[in-house]
């Protein structure tokens, strides 16, 4: 019953009632979000249910810019942002491990 009321309210406001992931407008951002969510799911960090409630005051310009880049609604936008922050980022260690990988006689042709 409660979910039906929410769906009706969402339709009246012009929002989608579905919580299915939306394809991001920016393919790089979309790939980062999908990678973060799949990595967190594989590591068992996602519970699969959205039961935690979060309330925050956010700069409207920030929300507008994020929506324009991702095409996501409020709830999906917050989940995507948290996933990107929570996902492991191994670029730093990987980059440091690449030191000395080029042969000594390597020359960049210009």
N, C-alpha and C. Protein backbone atom coordinates (compact mmCIF):
# COMPACT_ATOMS: atom_id res chain seq x y z
N UNK A 1 0.82 -1.19 0.00
CA UNK A 1 0.00 0.00 0.00
C UNK A 1 0.86 1.25 0.00
N UNK A 2 1.88 1.29 0.87
CA UNK A 2 2.74 2.47 0.95
C UNK A 2 3.50 2.70 -0.35
N UNK A 3 3.97 1.60 -0.96
CA UNK A 3 4.72 1.76 -2.21
C UNK A 3 3.80 2.24 -3.33
N UNK A 4 2.53 1.86 -3.29
CA UNK A 4 1.58 2.33 -4.29
C UNK A 4 1.36 3.83 -4.15
N UNK A 5 1.25 4.30 -2.91
CA UNK A 5 1.08 5.73 -2.67
C UNK A 5 2.30 6.50 -3.16
N UNK A 6 3.49 5.96 -2.88
CA UNK A 6 4.72 6.61 -3.33
C UNK A 6 4.78 6.68 -4.85
N UNK A 7 4.38 5.60 -5.50
CA UNK A 7 4.41 5.56 -6.96
C UNK A 7 3.45 6.59 -7.54
N UNK A 8 2.25 6.72 -6.92
CA UNK A 8 1.28 7.72 -7.39
C UNK A 8 1.83 9.13 -7.21
N UNK A 9 2.42 9.40 -6.04
CA UNK A 9 3.00 10.72 -5.79
C UNK A 9 4.11 11.01 -6.79
N UNK A 10 4.94 10.03 -7.05
CA UNK A 10 6.05 10.21 -7.99
C UNK A 10 5.53 10.52 -9.39
N UNK A 11 4.47 9.81 -9.80
CA UNK A 11 3.90 10.08 -11.13
C UNK A 11 3.33 11.49 -11.19
N UNK A 12 2.67 11.94 -10.10
CA UNK A 12 2.11 13.29 -10.08
C UNK A 12 3.20 14.34 -10.20
N UNK A 13 4.36 14.07 -9.59
CA UNK A 13 5.46 15.03 -9.63
C UNK A 13 6.29 14.90 -10.91
N UNK A 14 5.99 13.87 -11.71
CA UNK A 14 6.73 13.69 -12.95
C UNK A 14 7.98 12.85 -12.80
N UNK A 15 8.16 12.19 -11.65
CA UNK A 15 9.32 11.33 -11.44
C UNK A 15 9.00 9.90 -11.85
N UNK A 16 10.05 9.16 -12.16
CA UNK A 16 9.89 7.75 -12.45
C UNK A 16 9.74 7.01 -11.13
N UNK A 17 8.82 6.08 -11.04
CA UNK A 17 8.62 5.29 -9.82
C UNK A 17 9.61 4.14 -9.77
N UNK A 18 10.16 3.75 -10.89
CA UNK A 18 11.06 2.61 -10.95
C UNK A 18 12.41 2.94 -10.32
N UNK A 19 12.97 1.95 -9.64
CA UNK A 19 14.31 2.15 -9.08
C UNK A 19 15.36 1.47 -9.94
N UNK A 20 14.99 1.07 -11.15
CA UNK A 20 15.93 0.44 -12.06
C UNK A 20 17.00 1.44 -12.46
N UNK A 21 18.26 0.99 -12.60
CA UNK A 21 19.32 1.92 -12.96
C UNK A 21 19.08 2.56 -14.33
N UNK A 22 19.38 3.81 -14.41
CA UNK A 22 19.24 4.56 -15.65
C UNK A 22 20.62 4.71 -16.28
N UNK A 23 20.68 4.62 -17.58
CA UNK A 23 21.94 4.79 -18.29
C UNK A 23 22.37 6.25 -18.19
N UNK A 24 23.58 6.47 -17.78
CA UNK A 24 24.11 7.82 -17.62
C UNK A 24 24.29 8.49 -18.98
N UNK A 25 24.16 9.79 -18.97
CA UNK A 25 24.36 10.58 -20.18
C UNK A 25 25.84 10.56 -20.58
N UNK A 26 26.74 10.63 -19.60
CA UNK A 26 28.17 10.62 -19.83
C UNK A 26 28.68 9.18 -19.72
N UNK A 27 29.21 8.60 -20.80
CA UNK A 27 29.63 7.19 -20.76
C UNK A 27 30.75 6.90 -19.76
N UNK A 28 31.65 7.84 -19.54
CA UNK A 28 32.72 7.63 -18.56
C UNK A 28 32.15 7.56 -17.16
N UNK A 29 31.25 8.47 -16.85
CA UNK A 29 30.62 8.47 -15.54
C UNK A 29 29.79 7.20 -15.35
N UNK A 30 29.08 6.81 -16.39
CA UNK A 30 28.28 5.60 -16.33
C UNK A 30 29.16 4.38 -16.03
N UNK A 31 30.30 4.31 -16.70
CA UNK A 31 31.22 3.19 -16.49
C UNK A 31 31.77 3.19 -15.06
N UNK A 32 32.10 4.37 -14.54
CA UNK A 32 32.61 4.46 -13.16
C UNK A 32 31.56 3.99 -12.16
N UNK A 33 30.31 4.39 -12.37
CA UNK A 33 29.24 4.01 -11.46
C UNK A 33 28.99 2.51 -11.54
N UNK A 34 28.91 1.98 -12.76
CA UNK A 34 28.68 0.54 -12.92
C UNK A 34 29.82 -0.27 -12.33
N UNK A 35 31.07 0.17 -12.54
CA UNK A 35 32.22 -0.53 -11.97
C UNK A 35 32.16 -0.50 -10.44
N UNK A 36 31.87 0.67 -9.87
CA UNK A 36 31.81 0.80 -8.42
C UNK A 36 30.73 -0.10 -7.83
N UNK A 37 29.55 -0.09 -8.42
CA UNK A 37 28.45 -0.91 -7.91
C UNK A 37 28.76 -2.40 -8.03
N UNK A 38 29.32 -2.81 -9.17
CA UNK A 38 29.63 -4.24 -9.35
C UNK A 38 30.76 -4.69 -8.43
N UNK A 39 31.76 -3.83 -8.22
CA UNK A 39 32.86 -4.17 -7.31
C UNK A 39 32.36 -4.29 -5.88
N UNK A 40 31.52 -3.36 -5.46
CA UNK A 40 30.98 -3.41 -4.10
C UNK A 40 30.06 -4.61 -3.92
N UNK A 41 29.29 -4.96 -4.95
CA UNK A 41 28.40 -6.12 -4.87
C UNK A 41 29.23 -7.40 -4.78
N UNK A 42 30.28 -7.49 -5.59
CA UNK A 42 31.13 -8.69 -5.58
C UNK A 42 31.85 -8.87 -4.24
N UNK A 43 32.17 -7.77 -3.58
CA UNK A 43 32.87 -7.87 -2.30
C UNK A 43 31.91 -8.04 -1.12
N UNK A 44 30.60 -8.07 -1.41
CA UNK A 44 29.61 -8.29 -0.37
C UNK A 44 29.27 -7.05 0.45
N UNK A 45 29.66 -5.88 -0.02
CA UNK A 45 29.41 -4.66 0.74
C UNK A 45 28.02 -4.09 0.51
N UNK A 46 27.36 -4.49 -0.58
CA UNK A 46 25.99 -4.04 -0.83
C UNK A 46 25.03 -5.03 -0.20
N UNK A 47 24.05 -4.54 0.51
CA UNK A 47 23.07 -5.39 1.19
C UNK A 47 21.93 -5.79 0.26
N UNK A 48 21.70 -5.02 -0.80
CA UNK A 48 20.63 -5.34 -1.73
C UNK A 48 19.31 -4.66 -1.42
N UNK A 49 19.20 -4.07 -0.25
CA UNK A 49 17.96 -3.35 0.08
C UNK A 49 18.31 -1.92 0.44
N UNK A 50 17.39 -1.05 0.14
CA UNK A 50 17.61 0.37 0.45
C UNK A 50 16.78 0.72 1.67
N UNK A 51 17.32 0.45 2.84
CA UNK A 51 16.57 0.68 4.07
C UNK A 51 17.10 1.86 4.86
N UNK A 52 18.31 2.29 4.59
CA UNK A 52 18.92 3.41 5.31
C UNK A 52 18.40 4.72 4.74
N UNK A 53 18.00 5.62 5.62
CA UNK A 53 17.50 6.93 5.19
C UNK A 53 18.57 7.98 5.45
N UNK A 54 18.76 8.88 4.50
CA UNK A 54 19.78 9.92 4.59
C UNK A 54 19.14 11.26 4.27
N UNK A 55 19.44 12.24 5.07
CA UNK A 55 18.93 13.58 4.82
C UNK A 55 20.09 14.55 4.90
N UNK A 56 20.19 15.42 3.90
CA UNK A 56 21.29 16.39 3.89
C UNK A 56 20.89 17.63 3.11
N UNK A 57 21.49 18.72 3.45
CA UNK A 57 21.30 19.95 2.68
C UNK A 57 22.45 20.02 1.68
N UNK A 58 22.08 20.19 0.41
CA UNK A 58 23.07 20.16 -0.66
C UNK A 58 22.89 21.39 -1.54
N UNK A 59 23.98 21.91 -2.03
CA UNK A 59 23.95 23.06 -2.95
C UNK A 59 23.14 22.69 -4.19
N UNK A 60 22.10 23.46 -4.52
CA UNK A 60 21.26 23.14 -5.67
C UNK A 60 22.04 23.09 -6.99
N UNK A 61 23.07 23.91 -7.11
CA UNK A 61 23.88 23.89 -8.33
C UNK A 61 24.62 22.58 -8.49
N UNK A 62 25.06 22.02 -7.38
CA UNK A 62 25.75 20.73 -7.40
C UNK A 62 24.81 19.62 -7.86
N UNK A 63 23.59 19.63 -7.33
CA UNK A 63 22.60 18.62 -7.72
C UNK A 63 22.26 18.77 -9.21
N UNK A 64 22.07 20.00 -9.66
CA UNK A 64 21.73 20.23 -11.06
C UNK A 64 22.84 19.75 -11.99
N UNK A 65 24.09 20.04 -11.63
CA UNK A 65 25.23 19.61 -12.45
C UNK A 65 25.36 18.09 -12.47
N UNK A 66 25.16 17.47 -11.32
CA UNK A 66 25.26 16.00 -11.24
C UNK A 66 24.15 15.33 -12.03
N UNK A 67 22.93 15.87 -11.94
CA UNK A 67 21.81 15.33 -12.72
C UNK A 67 22.07 15.47 -14.21
N UNK A 68 22.60 16.64 -14.61
CA UNK A 68 22.88 16.87 -16.04
C UNK A 68 23.92 15.89 -16.56
N UNK A 69 24.90 15.57 -15.74
CA UNK A 69 25.98 14.68 -16.17
C UNK A 69 25.55 13.22 -16.16
N UNK A 70 24.68 12.85 -15.21
CA UNK A 70 24.33 11.44 -15.06
C UNK A 70 22.96 11.08 -15.56
N UNK A 71 22.02 12.02 -15.52
CA UNK A 71 20.65 11.70 -15.90
C UNK A 71 19.91 10.92 -14.83
N UNK A 72 20.44 10.89 -13.60
CA UNK A 72 19.85 10.12 -12.51
C UNK A 72 18.96 11.00 -11.64
N UNK A 73 17.99 10.36 -10.97
CA UNK A 73 17.14 11.04 -10.00
C UNK A 73 17.84 11.13 -8.66
N UNK A 74 17.20 11.77 -7.68
CA UNK A 74 17.82 12.01 -6.38
C UNK A 74 18.35 10.76 -5.71
N UNK A 75 17.50 9.75 -5.54
CA UNK A 75 17.91 8.55 -4.81
C UNK A 75 19.03 7.82 -5.55
N UNK A 76 18.87 7.68 -6.86
CA UNK A 76 19.90 7.01 -7.66
C UNK A 76 21.20 7.81 -7.65
N UNK A 77 21.08 9.12 -7.66
CA UNK A 77 22.24 10.00 -7.65
C UNK A 77 23.05 9.83 -6.37
N UNK A 78 22.37 9.80 -5.23
CA UNK A 78 23.05 9.62 -3.94
C UNK A 78 23.70 8.24 -3.89
N UNK A 79 22.99 7.19 -4.32
CA UNK A 79 23.57 5.85 -4.31
C UNK A 79 24.80 5.77 -5.21
N UNK A 80 24.73 6.38 -6.39
CA UNK A 80 25.86 6.36 -7.32
C UNK A 80 27.06 7.09 -6.72
N UNK A 81 26.82 8.25 -6.13
CA UNK A 81 27.92 9.03 -5.54
C UNK A 81 28.58 8.27 -4.40
N UNK A 82 27.78 7.66 -3.53
CA UNK A 82 28.34 6.89 -2.43
C UNK A 82 29.10 5.66 -2.93
N UNK A 83 28.59 5.03 -3.97
CA UNK A 83 29.27 3.85 -4.53
C UNK A 83 30.63 4.22 -5.10
N UNK A 84 30.69 5.33 -5.83
CA UNK A 84 31.96 5.76 -6.43
C UNK A 84 32.97 6.09 -5.33
N UNK A 85 32.51 6.69 -4.23
CA UNK A 85 33.42 7.01 -3.12
C UNK A 85 33.84 5.75 -2.35
N UNK A 86 32.93 4.80 -2.21
CA UNK A 86 33.21 3.61 -1.40
C UNK A 86 33.99 2.53 -2.15
N UNK A 87 33.93 2.54 -3.46
CA UNK A 87 34.61 1.50 -4.25
C UNK A 87 36.12 1.63 -4.11
N UNK A 88 36.82 0.50 -4.10
CA UNK A 88 38.28 0.58 -3.99
C UNK A 88 38.89 1.26 -5.22
N UNK A 89 39.93 2.03 -4.98
CA UNK A 89 40.62 2.73 -6.06
C UNK A 89 42.09 2.32 -6.01
N UNK A 90 42.49 1.42 -6.93
CA UNK A 90 43.87 0.93 -6.90
C UNK A 90 44.78 1.68 -7.87
N UNK A 91 44.34 2.81 -8.40
CA UNK A 91 45.17 3.48 -9.39
C UNK A 91 46.50 3.93 -8.79
N UNK A 92 46.48 4.51 -7.60
CA UNK A 92 47.72 4.98 -6.97
C UNK A 92 48.76 3.87 -6.82
N UNK A 93 48.41 2.75 -6.15
CA UNK A 93 49.37 1.65 -6.02
C UNK A 93 49.78 1.07 -7.38
N UNK A 94 48.82 0.96 -8.31
CA UNK A 94 49.16 0.42 -9.63
C UNK A 94 50.15 1.34 -10.33
N UNK A 95 49.91 2.65 -10.29
CA UNK A 95 50.78 3.61 -10.95
C UNK A 95 52.18 3.57 -10.35
N UNK A 96 52.27 3.50 -9.03
CA UNK A 96 53.58 3.43 -8.37
C UNK A 96 54.32 2.15 -8.75
N UNK A 97 53.58 1.05 -8.93
CA UNK A 97 54.20 -0.22 -9.30
C UNK A 97 54.73 -0.23 -10.73
N UNK A 98 54.30 0.73 -11.56
CA UNK A 98 54.74 0.79 -12.95
C UNK A 98 56.11 1.44 -13.12
N UNK A 99 56.65 1.99 -12.05
CA UNK A 99 57.95 2.66 -12.13
C UNK A 99 59.01 1.69 -12.64
N UNK A 100 59.79 2.14 -13.60
CA UNK A 100 60.88 1.33 -14.13
C UNK A 100 60.45 0.25 -15.09
N UNK A 101 59.27 0.32 -15.64
CA UNK A 101 58.77 -0.72 -16.54
C UNK A 101 59.28 -0.57 -17.98
N UNK A 102 59.71 0.60 -18.36
CA UNK A 102 60.19 0.79 -19.72
C UNK A 102 61.65 0.35 -19.81
N UNK A 103 62.03 -0.23 -20.94
CA UNK A 103 63.44 -0.62 -21.10
C UNK A 103 64.34 0.61 -21.09
N UNK A 104 65.58 0.44 -20.69
CA UNK A 104 66.52 1.55 -20.57
C UNK A 104 66.79 2.23 -21.92
N UNK A 105 66.68 1.47 -23.02
CA UNK A 105 66.95 2.05 -24.33
C UNK A 105 65.68 2.62 -24.99
N UNK A 106 64.59 2.77 -24.26
CA UNK A 106 63.34 3.30 -24.81
C UNK A 106 63.49 4.76 -25.19
N UNK A 107 63.05 5.09 -26.40
CA UNK A 107 63.06 6.48 -26.85
C UNK A 107 61.68 6.82 -27.40
N UNK A 108 61.20 7.98 -27.03
CA UNK A 108 59.92 8.44 -27.50
C UNK A 108 60.15 9.16 -28.83
N UNK A 109 59.52 8.65 -29.89
CA UNK A 109 59.68 9.26 -31.20
C UNK A 109 58.73 10.44 -31.32
N UNK A 110 59.27 11.59 -31.64
CA UNK A 110 58.44 12.79 -31.82
C UNK A 110 58.32 13.20 -33.23
